Amino acid sequence: MRRFIRPVLVLLITALVLAGVFAFQNLRNQKVKEFLAGFANQKQTVSTATATVQEWQSSLDGVGSLRAVNGADLAPEVSGIVTRINFKSGDEAAAGAVLVQMRADDDIAHLRSLEAVADLAQVTYQRDQKQYQAQAVSQATLDADAANLKNDQAQIAQQQAVIDKKTIRAPFAGRLGIRSVDLGQYLNAGAVIVTLQALDPIYLDFMLPEQTLSQVRVGQPVTAKVDAFPGQSFAGTINAINAKIDTATH
């Protein structure tokens, strides 16, 4: 009898152990499922940000100076006394406008004398042409008359150029600076009368490091800002790139 009881007890104990193991496994699996189910239903934290526009194109910054497209200090080529001034400081001048007139009475009188001599030379040449056809004068005489006429005409043109130089005109349209001449003043050749600047359009000269040369090309847009107009931007394009590098700043 005892031989049969011992194996039965062993089987019962083994069955109980196996049942406990299976029960533990089932409980553990159930808890894992509950944990995962609860984890999946947890609320997720989401952050938001306001969309903004930002410039993504690369840009190069530089410092430069403005320069007029055309600018000149007006001065006479010859000396003379100022007889008329036709502008005020800061005026806008049209191209070809007479700004200053210097006295040219003596020059005009000399021009009239030269014109009279040229008229006589013209009459002499025409008369000798007729006489040459009638074989009354030689070819040498006719050639001399033609040379004299050309010489007199050249002197007239030279004297007219001297008179024109005593009339100072604006070589291009632009804005005049401060007047530095007075009525009746004697002007020496080369003395500055006024400065003339064409301000529209205008050049902007600026420098960039030589390493940026590959990023710069003619026709690229440029945006400029100046201290005189805070908050404003002026658009332009690259017109030319200097072929020379500054050896001091590169």
Protein backbone atom coordinates (compact mmCIF):
# COMPACT_ATOMS: atom_id res chain seq x y z
CA MET A 1 0.00 0.00 0.00
CA ARG A 2 2.76 2.40 0.89
CA ARG A 3 4.43 1.59 -2.42
CA PHE A 4 1.43 2.97 -4.24
CA ILE A 5 0.93 6.07 -2.04
CA ARG A 6 4.43 7.48 -2.58
CA PRO A 7 4.24 7.66 -6.43
CA VAL A 8 0.78 9.19 -6.17
CA LEU A 9 2.08 11.90 -3.84
CA VAL A 10 4.92 12.61 -6.21
CA LEU A 11 2.52 12.95 -9.12
CA LEU A 12 0.24 15.23 -7.11
CA ILE A 13 3.11 17.45 -6.03
CA THR A 14 4.41 17.61 -9.62
CA ALA A 15 0.92 18.48 -10.87
CA LEU A 16 0.60 21.19 -8.27
CA VAL A 17 4.00 22.64 -9.23
CA LEU A 18 3.15 22.59 -12.91
CA ALA A 19 -0.23 24.16 -12.22
CA GLY A 20 1.46 26.88 -10.19
CA VAL A 21 3.97 27.51 -13.00
CA PHE A 22 1.21 27.72 -15.62
CA ALA A 23 -0.84 29.99 -13.37
CA PHE A 24 2.17 32.28 -12.87
CA GLN A 25 2.84 32.36 -16.60
CA ASN A 26 -0.79 33.23 -17.33
CA LEU A 27 -0.79 35.95 -14.67
CA ARG A 28 2.44 37.43 -15.98
CA ASN A 29 1.18 37.45 -19.58
CA GLN A 30 -2.06 39.08 -18.46
CA LYS A 31 -0.17 41.81 -16.60
CA VAL A 32 2.11 42.43 -19.58
CA LYS A 33 -0.89 42.79 -21.87
CA GLU A 34 -2.56 45.19 -19.45
CA PHE A 35 0.64 47.23 -19.17
CA LEU A 36 1.09 47.44 -22.92
CA ALA A 37 -2.57 48.29 -23.42
CA GLY A 38 -2.29 51.07 -20.89
CA PHE A 39 0.95 52.36 -22.41
CA ALA A 40 -0.61 52.56 -25.88
CA ASN A 41 -3.45 54.69 -24.59
CA GLN A 42 -1.24 57.25 -22.85
CA LYS A 43 -1.56 60.83 -24.05
CA GLN A 44 1.31 62.08 -26.21
CA THR A 45 2.94 65.45 -25.66
CA VAL A 46 2.85 67.64 -28.82
CA SER A 47 4.65 70.97 -29.18
CA THR A 48 3.69 73.69 -31.67
CA ALA A 49 5.51 76.65 -33.23
CA THR A 50 4.37 79.61 -35.32
CA ALA A 51 5.45 79.37 -38.97
CA THR A 52 7.70 82.24 -40.05
CA VAL A 53 9.38 83.24 -43.32
CA GLN A 54 13.17 83.32 -43.33
CA GLU A 55 15.63 84.20 -46.08
CA TRP A 56 17.55 81.14 -47.14
CA GLN A 57 19.58 82.59 -50.01
CA SER A 58 23.18 83.33 -49.17
CA SER A 59 24.23 86.97 -49.18
CA LEU A 60 27.44 88.98 -48.99
CA ASP A 61 27.78 92.18 -46.98
CA GLY A 62 30.14 95.02 -47.83
CA VAL A 63 30.71 98.71 -47.21
CA GLY A 64 30.97 101.12 -50.10
CA SER A 65 30.53 104.70 -51.25
CA LEU A 66 28.16 106.37 -53.69
CA ARG A 67 29.46 108.01 -56.85
CA ALA A 68 27.66 109.92 -59.58
CA VAL A 69 27.46 108.34 -63.02
CA ASN A 70 28.80 111.62 -64.41
CA GLY A 71 30.59 114.21 -62.31
CA ALA A 72 32.88 117.09 -63.21
CA ASP A 73 34.33 120.31 -61.85
CA LEU A 74 33.55 122.84 -64.57
CA ALA A 75 36.34 125.28 -65.45
CA PRO A 76 37.19 127.48 -68.46
CA GLU A 77 39.94 126.55 -70.90
CA VAL A 78 40.89 130.20 -71.44
CA SER A 79 41.15 133.25 -69.21
CA GLY A 80 38.60 136.06 -69.18
CA ILE A 81 36.22 138.30 -67.24
CA VAL A 82 32.80 136.96 -66.24
CA THR A 83 29.99 138.99 -67.84
CA ARG A 84 26.97 136.74 -67.17
CA ILE A 85 26.05 133.99 -64.71
CA ASN A 86 22.97 131.93 -65.57
CA PHE A 87 22.64 129.61 -62.57
CA LYS A 88 22.26 129.49 -58.81
CA SER A 89 23.88 127.11 -56.37
CA GLY A 90 22.03 123.79 -56.26
CA ASP A 91 20.15 124.30 -59.54
CA GLU A 92 19.34 121.48 -61.94
CA ALA A 93 21.12 122.02 -65.26
CA ALA A 94 20.13 120.63 -68.64
CA ALA A 95 22.75 119.29 -71.00
CA GLY A 96 24.19 122.13 -73.09
CA ALA A 97 22.76 124.92 -70.91
CA VAL A 98 24.90 128.09 -70.77
CA LEU A 99 26.16 128.55 -67.21
CA VAL A 100 28.76 131.31 -67.46
CA GLN A 101 29.63 133.77 -70.21
CA MET A 102 33.01 135.54 -70.30
CA ARG A 103 33.73 138.73 -72.19
CA ALA A 104 34.59 138.02 -75.81
CA ASP A 105 34.19 141.42 -77.53
CA ASP A 106 37.79 141.57 -78.73
CA ASP A 107 37.68 138.00 -79.95
CA ILE A 108 34.46 138.61 -81.87
CA ALA A 109 35.94 141.71 -83.49
CA HIS A 110 38.97 139.70 -84.55
CA LEU A 111 36.63 137.05 -85.95
CA ARG A 112 34.86 139.64 -88.09
CA SER A 113 38.24 140.80 -89.45
CA LEU A 114 39.18 137.25 -90.38
CA GLU A 115 35.81 136.72 -92.03
CA ALA A 116 36.37 139.83 -94.18
CA VAL A 117 39.78 138.54 -95.28
CA ALA A 118 38.25 135.16 -96.07
CA ASP A 119 35.48 136.80 -98.11
CA LEU A 120 38.10 138.64 -100.18
CA ALA A 121 40.04 135.41 -100.67
CA GLN A 122 36.84 133.72 -101.83
CA VAL A 123 36.16 136.47 -104.39
CA THR A 124 39.78 136.36 -105.63
CA TYR A 125 39.66 132.57 -106.02
CA GLN A 126 36.37 132.66 -107.96
CA ARG A 127 37.68 135.44 -110.24
CA ASP A 128 40.91 133.59 -110.93
CA GLN A 129 38.93 130.43 -111.73
CA LYS A 130 37.22 132.29 -114.57
CA GLN A 131 40.49 133.79 -115.75
CA TYR A 132 42.14 130.37 -115.65
CA GLN A 133 39.43 129.02 -117.95
CA ALA A 134 40.23 131.91 -120.30
CA GLN A 135 43.93 131.07 -119.87
CA ALA A 136 44.58 134.50 -118.38
CA VAL A 137 46.27 133.17 -115.21
CA SER A 138 48.40 130.14 -114.49
CA GLN A 139 47.55 127.01 -112.54
CA ALA A 140 50.04 128.06 -109.87
CA THR A 141 48.11 131.29 -109.27
CA LEU A 142 44.85 129.40 -108.94
CA ASP A 143 46.44 126.93 -106.50
CA ALA A 144 47.82 129.79 -104.41
CA ASP A 145 44.39 131.41 -104.27
CA ALA A 146 42.82 128.12 -103.11
CA ALA A 147 45.48 127.69 -100.38
CA ASN A 148 44.95 131.27 -99.15
CA LEU A 149 41.20 130.70 -98.96
CA LYS A 150 41.61 127.48 -96.93
CA ASN A 151 44.08 129.20 -94.60
CA ASP A 152 41.68 132.10 -93.99
CA GLN A 153 38.81 129.67 -93.31
CA ALA A 154 40.97 127.73 -90.86
CA GLN A 155 41.80 130.94 -88.97
CA ILE A 156 38.08 131.72 -88.75
CA ALA A 157 37.39 128.27 -87.27
CA GLN A 158 40.25 128.73 -84.81
CA GLN A 159 38.99 132.12 -83.68
CA GLN A 160 35.43 130.79 -83.38
CA ALA A 161 36.75 128.01 -81.10
CA VAL A 162 38.38 130.64 -78.85
CA ILE A 163 35.05 132.47 -78.60
CA ASP A 164 33.18 129.24 -77.85
CA LYS A 165 35.59 128.45 -75.01
CA LYS A 166 34.47 131.64 -73.27
CA THR A 167 30.95 130.22 -73.01
CA ILE A 168 30.81 127.61 -70.25
CA ARG A 169 28.05 125.04 -70.85
CA ALA A 170 26.84 122.01 -68.90
CA PRO A 171 28.36 118.96 -70.62
CA PHE A 172 25.54 116.74 -69.27
CA ALA A 173 22.36 117.05 -67.26
CA GLY A 174 22.77 117.08 -63.50
CA ARG A 175 22.71 119.05 -60.25
CA LEU A 176 25.03 121.98 -59.73
CA GLY A 177 26.99 122.48 -56.52
CA ILE A 178 28.05 125.70 -54.78
CA ARG A 179 28.89 128.56 -57.11
CA SER A 180 32.49 129.74 -56.76
CA VAL A 181 32.48 132.64 -59.27
CA ASP A 182 31.12 136.19 -59.19
CA LEU A 183 30.03 138.63 -61.85
CA GLY A 184 32.96 140.71 -63.13
CA GLN A 185 35.53 138.32 -61.71
CA TYR A 186 38.65 137.57 -63.76
CA LEU A 187 38.95 133.84 -64.25
CA ASN A 188 42.20 132.08 -64.98
CA ALA A 189 42.20 129.06 -67.22
CA GLY A 190 41.39 125.97 -65.16
CA ALA A 191 39.75 127.83 -62.24
CA VAL A 192 36.76 125.82 -60.98
CA ILE A 193 33.42 127.57 -61.46
CA VAL A 194 31.04 124.95 -60.06
CA THR A 195 30.72 121.18 -59.75
CA LEU A 196 28.13 119.25 -61.74
CA GLN A 197 26.91 115.81 -60.66
CA ALA A 198 24.46 113.49 -62.41
CA LEU A 199 22.72 111.76 -59.47
CA ASP A 200 20.20 109.58 -61.30
CA PRO A 201 21.24 106.85 -61.79
CA ILE A 202 24.13 106.59 -59.34
CA TYR A 203 27.04 104.20 -58.85
CA LEU A 204 27.83 102.30 -55.66
CA ASP A 205 31.47 101.28 -55.30
CA PHE A 206 32.01 98.56 -52.68
CA MET A 207 34.67 95.98 -51.85
CA LEU A 208 34.42 92.28 -50.98
CA PRO A 209 37.09 89.75 -49.96
CA GLU A 210 38.82 88.05 -52.88
CA GLN A 211 37.56 84.65 -51.63
CA THR A 212 34.03 85.68 -52.68
CA LEU A 213 34.97 86.36 -56.31
CA SER A 214 33.43 83.06 -57.48
CA GLN A 215 30.09 84.09 -55.90
CA VAL A 216 29.87 87.47 -57.64
CA ARG A 217 28.90 88.06 -61.26
CA VAL A 218 27.66 90.91 -63.44
CA GLY A 219 23.89 91.30 -63.35
CA GLN A 220 23.41 90.06 -59.78
CA PRO A 221 20.89 92.06 -57.70
CA VAL A 222 22.22 94.38 -55.00
CA THR A 223 20.36 95.94 -52.08
CA ALA A 224 21.91 99.08 -50.58
CA LYS A 225 21.17 100.98 -47.38
CA VAL A 226 22.48 104.43 -46.49
CA ASP A 227 22.57 106.33 -43.20
CA ALA A 228 20.87 109.32 -44.80
CA PHE A 229 17.65 107.30 -45.32
CA PRO A 230 17.26 104.92 -42.35
CA GLY A 231 14.83 102.06 -42.88
CA GLN A 232 14.91 102.35 -46.69
CA SER A 233 16.50 99.96 -49.17
CA PHE A 234 17.62 100.74 -52.70
CA ALA A 235 17.78 98.05 -55.37
CA GLY A 236 20.39 97.80 -58.09
CA THR A 237 22.48 95.36 -60.10
CA ILE A 238 26.20 94.70 -60.43
CA ASN A 239 27.40 96.61 -63.49
CA ALA A 240 31.09 95.68 -63.50
CA ILE A 241 33.73 93.90 -61.42
CA ASN A 242 37.13 95.52 -61.03
CA ALA A 243 39.91 93.40 -62.48
CA LYS A 244 42.39 94.70 -59.88
CA ILE A 245 42.62 93.42 -56.30
CA ASP A 246 43.60 95.83 -53.55
CA THR A 247 46.97 94.56 -52.37
CA ALA A 248 46.49 96.13 -48.93
CA THR A 249 43.08 94.68 -48.01
CA HIS A 250 42.64 91.88 -50.58
